[in-house]
Structure formats: structure tokens, C-alpha cells
PDB file of N, CA and C in Angstrom:
ATOM      1  N   MET A   1     -18.875  -6.265 -13.485  1.00  0.00           N
ATOM      2  CA  MET A   1     -17.780  -6.955 -14.095  1.00  0.00           C
ATOM      3  C   MET A   1     -17.935  -7.011 -15.611  1.00  0.00           C
ATOM      4  N   ASP A   2     -19.042  -6.510 -16.117  1.00  0.00           N
ATOM      5  CA  ASP A   2     -19.226  -6.487 -17.562  1.00  0.00           C
ATOM      6  C   ASP A   2     -18.121  -5.706 -18.249  1.00  0.00           C
ATOM      7  N   ILE A   3     -17.711  -4.581 -17.652  1.00  0.00           N
ATOM      8  CA  ILE A   3     -16.683  -3.750 -18.266  1.00  0.00           C
ATOM      9  C   ILE A   3     -15.348  -4.487 -18.301  1.00  0.00           C
ATOM     10  N   VAL A   4     -15.057  -5.260 -17.270  1.00  0.00           N
ATOM     11  CA  VAL A   4     -13.814  -6.030 -17.229  1.00  0.00           C
ATOM     12  C   VAL A   4     -13.813  -7.067 -18.351  1.00  0.00           C
ATOM     13  N   THR A   5     -14.921  -7.731 -18.538  1.00  0.00           N
ATOM     14  CA  THR A   5     -15.045  -8.723 -19.607  1.00  0.00           C
ATOM     15  C   THR A   5     -14.966  -8.050 -20.967  1.00  0.00           C
ATOM     16  N   HIS A   6     -15.672  -6.943 -21.121  1.00  0.00           N
ATOM     17  CA  HIS A   6     -15.682  -6.215 -22.388  1.00  0.00           C
ATOM     18  C   HIS A   6     -14.283  -5.744 -22.782  1.00  0.00           C
ATOM     19  N   CYS A   7     -13.515  -5.269 -21.808  1.00  0.00           N
ATOM     20  CA  CYS A   7     -12.165  -4.765 -22.074  1.00  0.00           C
ATOM     21  C   CYS A   7     -11.149  -5.883 -22.278  1.00  0.00           C
ATOM     22  N   LYS A   8     -11.567  -7.097 -22.009  1.00  0.00           N
ATOM     23  CA  LYS A   8     -10.698  -8.267 -22.166  1.00  0.00           C
ATOM     24  C   LYS A   8      -9.389  -8.120 -21.380  1.00  0.00           C
ATOM     25  N   VAL A   9      -9.535  -7.808 -20.107  1.00  0.00           N
ATOM     26  CA  VAL A   9      -8.346  -7.729 -19.262  1.00  0.00           C
ATOM     27  C   VAL A   9      -7.665  -9.094 -19.271  1.00  0.00           C
ATOM     28  N   PRO A  10      -6.336  -9.122 -19.159  1.00  0.00           N
ATOM     29  CA  PRO A  10      -5.627 -10.404 -19.233  1.00  0.00           C
ATOM     30  C   PRO A  10      -6.101 -11.407 -18.179  1.00  0.00           C
ATOM     31  N   ARG A  11      -6.161 -10.960 -16.935  1.00  0.00           N
ATOM     32  CA  ARG A  11      -6.618 -11.822 -15.847  1.00  0.00           C
ATOM     33  C   ARG A  11      -7.242 -10.926 -14.778  1.00  0.00           C
ATOM     34  N   TYR A  12      -8.341 -11.395 -14.225  1.00  0.00           N
ATOM     35  CA  TYR A  12      -9.020 -10.587 -13.205  1.00  0.00           C
ATOM     36  C   TYR A  12      -9.620 -11.509 -12.156  1.00  0.00           C
ATOM     37  N   LEU A  13      -9.227 -11.289 -10.917  1.00  0.00           N
ATOM     38  CA  LEU A  13      -9.804 -12.018  -9.797  1.00  0.00           C
ATOM     39  C   LEU A  13     -10.647 -11.041  -9.006  1.00  0.00           C
ATOM     40  N   HIS A  14     -11.914 -11.318  -8.881  1.00  0.00           N
ATOM     41  CA  HIS A  14     -12.825 -10.416  -8.177  1.00  0.00           C
ATOM     42  C   HIS A  14     -13.132 -10.972  -6.797  1.00  0.00           C
ATOM     43  N   ASN A  15     -12.779 -10.184  -5.783  1.00  0.00           N
ATOM     44  CA  ASN A  15     -13.172 -10.486  -4.410  1.00  0.00           C
ATOM     45  C   ASN A  15     -14.324  -9.559  -4.064  1.00  0.00           C
ATOM     46  N   ASN A  16     -15.459 -10.100  -3.750  1.00  0.00           N
ATOM     47  CA  ASN A  16     -16.645  -9.307  -3.438  1.00  0.00           C
ATOM     48  C   ASN A  16     -16.587  -8.857  -1.976  1.00  0.00           C
ATOM     49  N   LEU A  17     -15.712  -7.865  -1.738  1.00  0.00           N
ATOM     50  CA  LEU A  17     -15.461  -7.365  -0.388  1.00  0.00           C
ATOM     51  C   LEU A  17     -15.650  -5.854  -0.370  1.00  0.00           C
ATOM     52  N   PRO A  18     -15.776  -5.249   0.807  1.00  0.00           N
ATOM     53  CA  PRO A  18     -15.969  -3.800   0.885  1.00  0.00           C
ATOM     54  C   PRO A  18     -14.824  -3.029   0.237  1.00  0.00           C
ATOM     55  N   LEU A  19     -15.173  -1.919  -0.388  1.00  0.00           N
ATOM     56  CA  LEU A  19     -14.199  -1.054  -1.021  1.00  0.00           C
ATOM     57  C   LEU A  19     -13.085  -0.700  -0.041  1.00  0.00           C
ATOM     58  N   GLY A  20     -11.860  -0.788  -0.506  1.00  0.00           N
ATOM     59  CA  GLY A  20     -10.714  -0.491   0.340  1.00  0.00           C
ATOM     60  C   GLY A  20     -10.160  -1.704   1.065  1.00  0.00           C
ATOM     61  N   ASN A  21     -10.800  -2.838   0.907  1.00  0.00           N
ATOM     62  CA  ASN A  21     -10.365  -4.080   1.551  1.00  0.00           C
ATOM     63  C   ASN A  21     -10.323  -5.205   0.518  1.00  0.00           C
ATOM     64  N   PRO A  22      -9.499  -5.058  -0.521  1.00  0.00           N
ATOM     65  CA  PRO A  22      -9.542  -6.004  -1.633  1.00  0.00           C
ATOM     66  C   PRO A  22      -9.106  -7.419  -1.298  1.00  0.00           C
ATOM     67  N   LEU A  23      -8.397  -7.595  -0.196  1.00  0.00           N
ATOM     68  CA  LEU A  23      -7.914  -8.937   0.143  1.00  0.00           C
ATOM     69  C   LEU A  23      -8.606  -9.551   1.346  1.00  0.00           C
ATOM     70  N   GLY A  24      -9.437  -8.778   2.041  1.00  0.00           N
ATOM     71  CA  GLY A  24     -10.131  -9.318   3.207  1.00  0.00           C
ATOM     72  C   GLY A  24     -10.096  -8.359   4.374  1.00  0.00           C
ATOM     73  N   SER A  25     -10.652  -8.796   5.467  1.00  0.00           N
ATOM     74  CA  SER A  25     -10.714  -7.989   6.684  1.00  0.00           C
ATOM     75  C   SER A  25      -9.317  -7.715   7.231  1.00  0.00           C
ATOM     76  N   PRO A  26      -9.104  -6.553   7.842  1.00  0.00           N
ATOM     77  CA  PRO A  26      -7.818  -6.290   8.493  1.00  0.00           C
ATOM     78  C   PRO A  26      -7.517  -7.378   9.521  1.00  0.00           C
ATOM     79  N   GLY A  27      -6.335  -7.930   9.458  1.00  0.00           N
ATOM     80  CA  GLY A  27      -5.947  -8.963  10.401  1.00  0.00           C
ATOM     81  C   GLY A  27      -6.361 -10.373  10.010  1.00  0.00           C
ATOM     82  N   ASP A  28      -7.149 -10.518   8.963  1.00  0.00           N
ATOM     83  CA  ASP A  28      -7.599 -11.843   8.517  1.00  0.00           C
ATOM     84  C   ASP A  28      -6.567 -12.407   7.545  1.00  0.00           C
ATOM     85  N   ARG A  29      -5.436 -12.825   8.091  1.00  0.00           N
ATOM     86  CA  ARG A  29      -4.314 -13.286   7.272  1.00  0.00           C
ATOM     87  C   ARG A  29      -4.676 -14.493   6.405  1.00  0.00           C
ATOM     88  N   GLU A  30      -5.546 -15.339   6.889  1.00  0.00           N
ATOM     89  CA  GLU A  30      -5.929 -16.532   6.128  1.00  0.00           C
ATOM     90  C   GLU A  30      -6.609 -16.144   4.808  1.00  0.00           C
ATOM     91  N   THR A  31      -7.608 -15.258   4.880  1.00  0.00           N
ATOM     92  CA  THR A  31      -8.305 -14.815   3.664  1.00  0.00           C
ATOM     93  C   THR A  31      -7.371 -14.010   2.778  1.00  0.00           C
ATOM     94  N   GLN A  32      -6.545 -13.162   3.375  1.00  0.00           N
ATOM     95  CA  GLN A  32      -5.609 -12.347   2.599  1.00  0.00           C
ATOM     96  C   GLN A  32      -4.630 -13.221   1.824  1.00  0.00           C
ATOM     97  N   MET A  33      -4.051 -14.202   2.491  1.00  0.00           N
ATOM     98  CA  MET A  33      -3.089 -15.089   1.833  1.00  0.00           C
ATOM     99  C   MET A  33      -3.775 -15.920   0.756  1.00  0.00           C
ATOM    100  N   LYS A  34      -4.971 -16.379   1.036  1.00  0.00           N
ATOM    101  CA  LYS A  34      -5.721 -17.162   0.050  1.00  0.00           C
ATOM    102  C   LYS A  34      -5.968 -16.318  -1.208  1.00  0.00           C
ATOM    103  N   SER A  35      -6.332 -15.048  -1.013  1.00  0.00           N
ATOM    104  CA  SER A  35      -6.583 -14.155  -2.149  1.00  0.00           C
ATOM    105  C   SER A  35      -5.326 -13.936  -2.976  1.00  0.00           C
ATOM    106  N   VAL A  36      -4.214 -13.698  -2.306  1.00  0.00           N
ATOM    107  CA  VAL A  36      -2.947 -13.467  -3.015  1.00  0.00           C
ATOM    108  C   VAL A  36      -2.537 -14.714  -3.789  1.00  0.00           C
ATOM    109  N   LEU A  37      -2.609 -15.878  -3.154  1.00  0.00           N
ATOM    110  CA  LEU A  37      -2.219 -17.114  -3.821  1.00  0.00           C
ATOM    111  C   LEU A  37      -3.144 -17.435  -4.996  1.00  0.00           C
ATOM    112  N   GLU A  38      -4.437 -17.171  -4.828  1.00  0.00           N
ATOM    113  CA  GLU A  38      -5.396 -17.402  -5.904  1.00  0.00           C
ATOM    114  C   GLU A  38      -5.104 -16.488  -7.094  1.00  0.00           C
ATOM    115  N   ALA A  39      -4.768 -15.235  -6.817  1.00  0.00           N
ATOM    116  CA  ALA A  39      -4.444 -14.284  -7.883  1.00  0.00           C
ATOM    117  C   ALA A  39      -3.154 -14.690  -8.603  1.00  0.00           C
ATOM    118  N   LEU A  40      -2.141 -15.102  -7.848  1.00  0.00           N
ATOM    119  CA  LEU A  40      -0.891 -15.538  -8.459  1.00  0.00           C
ATOM    120  C   LEU A  40      -1.086 -16.783  -9.323  1.00  0.00           C
ATOM    121  N   LYS A  41      -1.874 -17.704  -8.825  1.00  0.00           N
ATOM    122  CA  LYS A  41      -2.166 -18.919  -9.593  1.00  0.00           C
ATOM    123  C   LYS A  41      -2.864 -18.562 -10.902  1.00  0.00           C
ATOM    124  N   LEU A  42      -3.811 -17.646 -10.823  1.00  0.00           N
ATOM    125  CA  LEU A  42      -4.525 -17.195 -12.019  1.00  0.00           C
ATOM    126  C   LEU A  42      -3.559 -16.534 -13.002  1.00  0.00           C
ATOM    127  N   ALA A  43      -2.641 -15.749 -12.474  1.00  0.00           N
ATOM    128  CA  ALA A  43      -1.692 -15.024 -13.323  1.00  0.00           C
ATOM    129  C   ALA A  43      -0.756 -15.960 -14.082  1.00  0.00           C
ATOM    130  N   VAL A  44      -0.313 -17.016 -13.446  1.00  0.00           N
ATOM    131  CA  VAL A  44       0.662 -17.900 -14.101  1.00  0.00           C
ATOM    132  C   VAL A  44       0.038 -19.061 -14.862  1.00  0.00           C
ATOM    133  N   SER A  45      -1.196 -19.413 -14.545  1.00  0.00           N
ATOM    134  CA  SER A  45      -1.783 -20.603 -15.170  1.00  0.00           C
ATOM    135  C   SER A  45      -2.693 -20.300 -16.357  1.00  0.00           C
ATOM    136  N   SER A  46      -3.170 -19.075 -16.486  1.00  0.00           N
ATOM    137  CA  SER A  46      -4.106 -18.746 -17.559  1.00  0.00           C
ATOM    138  C   SER A  46      -3.358 -18.284 -18.799  1.00  0.00           C
ATOM    139  N   GLU A  47      -3.714 -18.859 -19.926  1.00  0.00           N
ATOM    140  CA  GLU A  47      -3.067 -18.479 -21.181  1.00  0.00           C
ATOM    141  C   GLU A  47      -3.928 -17.530 -22.005  1.00  0.00           C
ATOM    142  N   HIS A  48      -5.115 -17.215 -21.519  1.00  0.00           N
ATOM    143  CA  HIS A  48      -6.009 -16.303 -22.227  1.00  0.00           C
ATOM    144  C   HIS A  48      -6.750 -15.425 -21.214  1.00  0.00           C
ATOM    145  N   SER A  49      -7.492 -14.469 -21.715  1.00  0.00           N
ATOM    146  CA  SER A  49      -8.247 -13.556 -20.857  1.00  0.00           C
ATOM    147  C   SER A  49      -9.223 -14.347 -19.997  1.00  0.00           C
ATOM    148  N   VAL A  50      -9.210 -14.085 -18.695  1.00  0.00           N
ATOM    149  CA  VAL A  50     -10.094 -14.816 -17.792  1.00  0.00           C
ATOM    150  C   VAL A  50     -10.555 -13.908 -16.656  1.00  0.00           C
ATOM    151  N   VAL A  51     -11.823 -14.031 -16.304  1.00  0.00           N
ATOM    152  CA  VAL A  51     -12.406 -13.333 -15.161  1.00  0.00           C
ATOM    153  C   VAL A  51     -12.873 -14.406 -14.193  1.00  0.00           C
ATOM    154  N   GLN A  52     -12.407 -14.301 -12.953  1.00  0.00           N
ATOM    155  CA  GLN A  52     -12.756 -15.299 -11.951  1.00  0.00           C
ATOM    156  C   GLN A  52     -13.274 -14.604 -10.705  1.00  0.00           C
ATOM    157  N   VAL A  53     -14.324 -15.137 -10.126  1.00  0.00           N
ATOM    158  CA  VAL A  53     -14.875 -14.610  -8.882  1.00  0.00           C
ATOM    159  C   VAL A  53     -14.437 -15.542  -7.759  1.00  0.00           C
ATOM    160  N   SER A  54     -13.789 -14.956  -6.758  1.00  0.00           N
ATOM    161  CA  SER A  54     -13.318 -15.778  -5.637  1.00  0.00           C
ATOM    162  C   SER A  54     -14.451 -16.036  -4.654  1.00  0.00           C
ATOM    163  N   ASP A  55     -14.217 -16.968  -3.767  1.00  0.00           N
ATOM    164  CA  ASP A  55     -15.217 -17.252  -2.735  1.00  0.00           C
ATOM    165  C   ASP A  55     -14.859 -16.552  -1.420  1.00  0.00           C
ATOM    166  N   ALA A  56     -13.928 -15.590  -1.488  1.00  0.00           N
ATOM    167  CA  ALA A  56     -13.554 -14.838  -0.289  1.00  0.00           C
ATOM    168  C   ALA A  56     -14.778 -14.123   0.277  1.00  0.00           C
ATOM    169  N   CYS A  57     -14.909 -14.119   1.587  1.00  0.00           N
ATOM    170  CA  CYS A  57     -16.037 -13.424   2.206  1.00  0.00           C
ATOM    171  C   CYS A  57     -15.528 -12.606   3.390  1.00  0.00           C
ATOM    172  N   TRP A  58     -16.269 -11.575   3.705  1.00  0.00           N
ATOM    173  CA  TRP A  58     -15.917 -10.683   4.804  1.00  0.00           C
ATOM    174  C   TRP A  58     -15.988 -11.460   6.102  1.00  0.00           C
ATOM    175  N   LYS A  59     -14.948 -11.331   6.908  1.00  0.00           N
ATOM    176  CA  LYS A  59     -14.880 -12.065   8.169  1.00  0.00           C
ATOM    177  C   LYS A  59     -16.095 -11.747   9.041  1.00  0.00           C
ATOM    178  N   GLY A  60     -16.828 -12.741   9.387  1.00  0.00           N
ATOM    179  CA  GLY A  60     -18.002 -12.561  10.240  1.00  0.00           C
ATOM    180  C   GLY A  60     -19.301 -12.629   9.454  1.00  0.00           C
ATOM    181  N   ASN A  61     -19.522 -11.652   8.555  1.00  0.00           N
ATOM    182  CA  ASN A  61     -20.783 -11.626   7.808  1.00  0.00           C
ATOM    183  C   ASN A  61     -20.678 -10.669   6.619  1.00  0.00           C
ATOM    184  N   ASP A  62     -21.729 -10.595   5.851  1.00  0.00           N
ATOM    185  CA  ASP A  62     -21.773  -9.701   4.689  1.00  0.00           C
ATOM    186  C   ASP A  62     -22.749  -8.546   4.905  1.00  0.00           C
ATOM    187  N   HIS A  63     -22.969  -8.137   6.164  1.00  0.00           N
ATOM    188  CA  HIS A  63     -23.915  -7.054   6.434  1.00  0.00           C
ATOM    189  C   HIS A  63     -23.468  -5.717   5.858  1.00  0.00           C
ATOM    190  N   TRP A  64     -22.193  -5.580   5.537  1.00  0.00           N
ATOM    191  CA  TRP A  64     -21.698  -4.333   4.946  1.00  0.00           C
ATOM    192  C   TRP A  64     -22.418  -4.022   3.639  1.00  0.00           C
ATOM    193  N   LYS A  65     -22.881  -5.062   2.923  1.00  0.00           N
ATOM    194  CA  LYS A  65     -23.534  -4.865   1.627  1.00  0.00           C
ATOM    195  C   LYS A  65     -24.845  -4.087   1.763  1.00  0.00           C
ATOM    196  N   GLU A  66     -25.506  -4.240   2.906  1.00  0.00           N
ATOM    197  CA  GLU A  66     -26.794  -3.573   3.117  1.00  0.00           C
ATOM    198  C   GLU A  66     -26.648  -2.050   3.115  1.00  0.00           C
ATOM    199  N   ASN A  67     -25.498  -1.548   3.560  1.00  0.00           N
ATOM    200  CA  ASN A  67     -25.296  -0.105   3.680  1.00  0.00           C
ATOM    201  C   ASN A  67     -24.356   0.472   2.634  1.00  0.00           C
ATOM    202  N   TYR A  68     -23.798  -0.359   1.781  1.00  0.00           N
ATOM    203  CA  TYR A  68     -22.863   0.121   0.776  1.00  0.00           C
ATOM    204  C   TYR A  68     -23.576   1.065  -0.190  1.00  0.00           C
ATOM    205  N   ASN A  69     -23.070   2.260  -0.333  1.00  0.00           N
ATOM    206  CA  ASN A  69     -23.644   3.308  -1.196  1.00  0.00           C
ATOM    207  C   ASN A  69     -25.056   3.716  -0.790  1.00  0.00           C
ATOM    208  N   LYS A  70     -25.434   3.475   0.442  1.00  0.00           N
ATOM    209  CA  LYS A  70     -26.780   3.836   0.897  1.00  0.00           C
ATOM    210  C   LYS A  70     -26.835   5.333   1.197  1.00  0.00           C
ATOM    211  N   VAL A  71     -27.722   6.016   0.511  1.00  0.00           N
ATOM    212  CA  VAL A  71     -27.953   7.438   0.745  1.00  0.00           C
ATOM    213  C   VAL A  71     -29.465   7.634   0.781  1.00  0.00           C
ATOM    214  N   ASP A  72     -29.995   7.931   1.953  1.00  0.00           N
ATOM    215  CA  ASP A  72     -31.418   8.219   2.096  1.00  0.00           C
ATOM    216  C   ASP A  72     -31.639   9.066   3.346  1.00  0.00           C
ATOM    217  N   GLN A  73     -32.854   9.272   3.701  1.00  0.00           N
ATOM    218  CA  GLN A  73     -33.166  10.125   4.850  1.00  0.00           C
ATOM    219  C   GLN A  73     -32.627   9.559   6.164  1.00  0.00           C
ATOM    220  N   SER A  74     -32.459   8.246   6.236  1.00  0.00           N
ATOM    221  CA  SER A  74     -31.993   7.651   7.492  1.00  0.00           C
ATOM    222  C   SER A  74     -30.550   8.019   7.825  1.00  0.00           C
ATOM    223  N   ASN A  75     -29.754   8.372   6.815  1.00  0.00           N
ATOM    224  CA  ASN A  75     -28.363   8.706   7.095  1.00  0.00           C
ATOM    225  C   ASN A  75     -27.962  10.075   6.533  1.00  0.00           C
ATOM    226  N   HIS A  76     -28.936  10.876   6.160  1.00  0.00           N
ATOM    227  CA  HIS A  76     -28.692  12.171   5.544  1.00  0.00           C
ATOM    228  C   HIS A  76     -27.824  13.078   6.425  1.00  0.00           C
ATOM    229  N   GLU A  77     -28.193  13.245   7.673  1.00  0.00           N
ATOM    230  CA  GLU A  77     -27.451  14.126   8.580  1.00  0.00           C
ATOM    231  C   GLU A  77     -26.033  13.618   8.820  1.00  0.00           C
ATOM    232  N   GLU A  78     -25.889  12.316   8.982  1.00  0.00           N
ATOM    233  CA  GLU A  78     -24.567  11.728   9.212  1.00  0.00           C
ATOM    234  C   GLU A  78     -23.659  11.928   7.994  1.00  0.00           C
ATOM    235  N   LEU A  79     -24.205  11.748   6.792  1.00  0.00           N
ATOM    236  CA  LEU A  79     -23.415  11.952   5.578  1.00  0.00           C
ATOM    237  C   LEU A  79     -23.017  13.417   5.417  1.00  0.00           C
ATOM    238  N   LEU A  80     -23.913  14.324   5.757  1.00  0.00           N
ATOM    239  CA  LEU A  80     -23.570  15.745   5.717  1.00  0.00           C
ATOM    240  C   LEU A  80     -22.429  16.061   6.683  1.00  0.00           C
ATOM    241  N   ARG A  81     -22.522  15.506   7.880  1.00  0.00           N
ATOM    242  CA  ARG A  81     -21.491  15.725   8.899  1.00  0.00           C
ATOM    243  C   ARG A  81     -20.145  15.166   8.433  1.00  0.00           C
ATOM    244  N   LEU A  82     -20.163  13.942   7.880  1.00  0.00           N
ATOM    245  CA  LEU A  82     -18.928  13.320   7.409  1.00  0.00           C
ATOM    246  C   LEU A  82     -18.316  14.105   6.250  1.00  0.00           C
ATOM    247  N   GLY A  83     -19.155  14.595   5.342  1.00  0.00           N
ATOM    248  CA  GLY A  83     -18.666  15.387   4.226  1.00  0.00           C
ATOM    249  C   GLY A  83     -18.033  16.687   4.698  1.00  0.00           C
ATOM    250  N   LYS A  84     -18.682  17.345   5.637  1.00  0.00           N
ATOM    251  CA  LYS A  84     -18.156  18.597   6.183  1.00  0.00           C
ATOM    252  C   LYS A  84     -16.814  18.360   6.877  1.00  0.00           C
ATOM    253  N   GLU A  85     -16.729  17.295   7.647  1.00  0.00           N
ATOM    254  CA  GLU A  85     -15.491  16.947   8.344  1.00  0.00           C
ATOM    255  C   GLU A  85     -14.383  16.630   7.342  1.00  0.00           C
ATOM    256  N   ASN A  86     -14.707  15.908   6.276  1.00  0.00           N
ATOM    257  CA  ASN A  86     -13.732  15.580   5.242  1.00  0.00           C
ATOM    258  C   ASN A  86     -13.205  16.840   4.559  1.00  0.00           C
ATOM    259  N   ARG A  87     -14.101  17.759   4.219  1.00  0.00           N
ATOM    260  CA  ARG A  87     -13.680  19.008   3.567  1.00  0.00           C
ATOM    261  C   ARG A  87     -12.817  19.847   4.506  1.00  0.00           C
ATOM    262  N   ARG A  88     -13.152  19.848   5.795  1.00  0.00           N
ATOM    263  CA  ARG A  88     -12.364  20.593   6.775  1.00  0.00           C
ATOM    264  C   ARG A  88     -10.945  20.019   6.863  1.00  0.00           C
ATOM    265  N   LYS A  89     -10.832  18.692   6.942  1.00  0.00           N
ATOM    266  CA  LYS A  89      -9.523  18.051   7.028  1.00  0.00           C
ATOM    267  C   LYS A  89      -8.701  18.289   5.766  1.00  0.00           C
ATOM    268  N   ARG A  90      -9.347  18.225   4.614  1.00  0.00           N
ATOM    269  CA  ARG A  90      -8.624  18.450   3.356  1.00  0.00           C
ATOM    270  C   ARG A  90      -8.115  19.880   3.270  1.00  0.00           C
ATOM    271  N   ALA A  91      -8.927  20.852   3.683  1.00  0.00           N
ATOM    272  CA  ALA A  91      -8.497  22.256   3.676  1.00  0.00           C
ATOM    273  C   ALA A  91      -7.348  22.455   4.658  1.00  0.00           C
ATOM    274  N   GLU A  92      -7.432  21.832   5.813  1.00  0.00           N
ATOM    275  CA  GLU A  92      -6.371  21.917   6.820  1.00  0.00           C
ATOM    276  C   GLU A  92      -5.073  21.320   6.275  1.00  0.00           C
ATOM    277  N   ASN A  93      -5.162  20.152   5.643  1.00  0.00           N
ATOM    278  CA  ASN A  93      -3.976  19.530   5.060  1.00  0.00           C
ATOM    279  C   ASN A  93      -3.388  20.370   3.941  1.00  0.00           C
ATOM    280  N   LYS A  94      -4.239  20.957   3.115  1.00  0.00           N
ATOM    281  CA  LYS A  94      -3.775  21.804   2.024  1.00  0.00           C
ATOM    282  C   LYS A  94      -3.020  23.014   2.581  1.00  0.00           C
ATOM    283  N   ALA A  95      -3.550  23.607   3.640  1.00  0.00           N
ATOM    284  CA  ALA A  95      -2.910  24.768   4.262  1.00  0.00           C
ATOM    285  C   ALA A  95      -1.546  24.386   4.850  1.00  0.00           C
ATOM    286  N   ARG A  96      -1.393  23.141   5.252  1.00  0.00           N
ATOM    287  CA  ARG A  96      -0.122  22.661   5.819  1.00  0.00           C
ATOM    288  C   ARG A  96       0.827  22.182   4.718  1.00  0.00           C
ATOM    289  N   GLY A  97       0.377  22.229   3.454  1.00  0.00           N
ATOM    290  CA  GLY A  97       1.222  21.809   2.337  1.00  0.00           C
ATOM    291  C   GLY A  97       1.210  20.308   2.085  1.00  0.00           C
ATOM    292  N   LEU A  98       0.242  19.625   2.680  1.00  0.00           N
ATOM    293  CA  LEU A  98       0.135  18.186   2.479  1.00  0.00           C
ATOM    294  C   LEU A  98      -0.800  17.895   1.304  1.00  0.00           C
ATOM    295  N   SER A  99      -0.478  16.857   0.561  1.00  0.00           N
ATOM    296  CA  SER A  99      -1.359  16.445  -0.539  1.00  0.00           C
ATOM    297  C   SER A  99      -1.246  14.950  -0.717  1.00  0.00           C
ATOM    298  N   ARG A 100      -2.136  14.397  -1.518  1.00  0.00           N
ATOM    299  CA  ARG A 100      -2.103  12.966  -1.778  1.00  0.00           C
ATOM    300  C   ARG A 100      -1.036  12.633  -2.755  1.00  0.00           C
TER     301      ARG A 100
END
């Protein structure tokens, strides 16, 4: 979050959740709504640059943090397999004329 502070973003609410799940677990409407309302409150009530860390937590536990960005011998083969599968799907989509 140093870069966010350094850049002096107008308002920033940080939810310490897994990448791709900025508001909470799928189906966890309570955490999602809390995050949205907290962000809106921050947007309308702050008159200066502010960085705030929410207390939102992953439904159940925070064990996802143990494996986030983990690359070592224990998952080497699985990561190779996932990468190969991803490249295959992207090539297939490209051949079909699909893109992001």
C-alpha cells in the first residue's frame, strides 16, 4: 500500500482478500454489502486523500494467504500443468476468434 499512499490516491479502501475477490467470498452478501457501503462512505465523507484498511475477512478462514504466490518444488508439476492448460485454452480461443 506504500505506492497507493505515495501516489496520493483520493480515497482507497483495502480489503485484504484473495485476488479476484475484492468484495468477499462468492455468495457472502453480508461481507460484499459491507465492503460496498464502507467504500461509498469513504468516498463521500473524506475531504482529503485517505487510505483505509477494512476488517473484511475471507469467509471461513485466511488459509488462502499461505499459498498465495507460492512457487516451490511442492507445486512445481501442478503449476506447469496449469500453465500448459492455460496456454492451450488461449490458443484455442484465439483460433476461434475470441479475445479478452
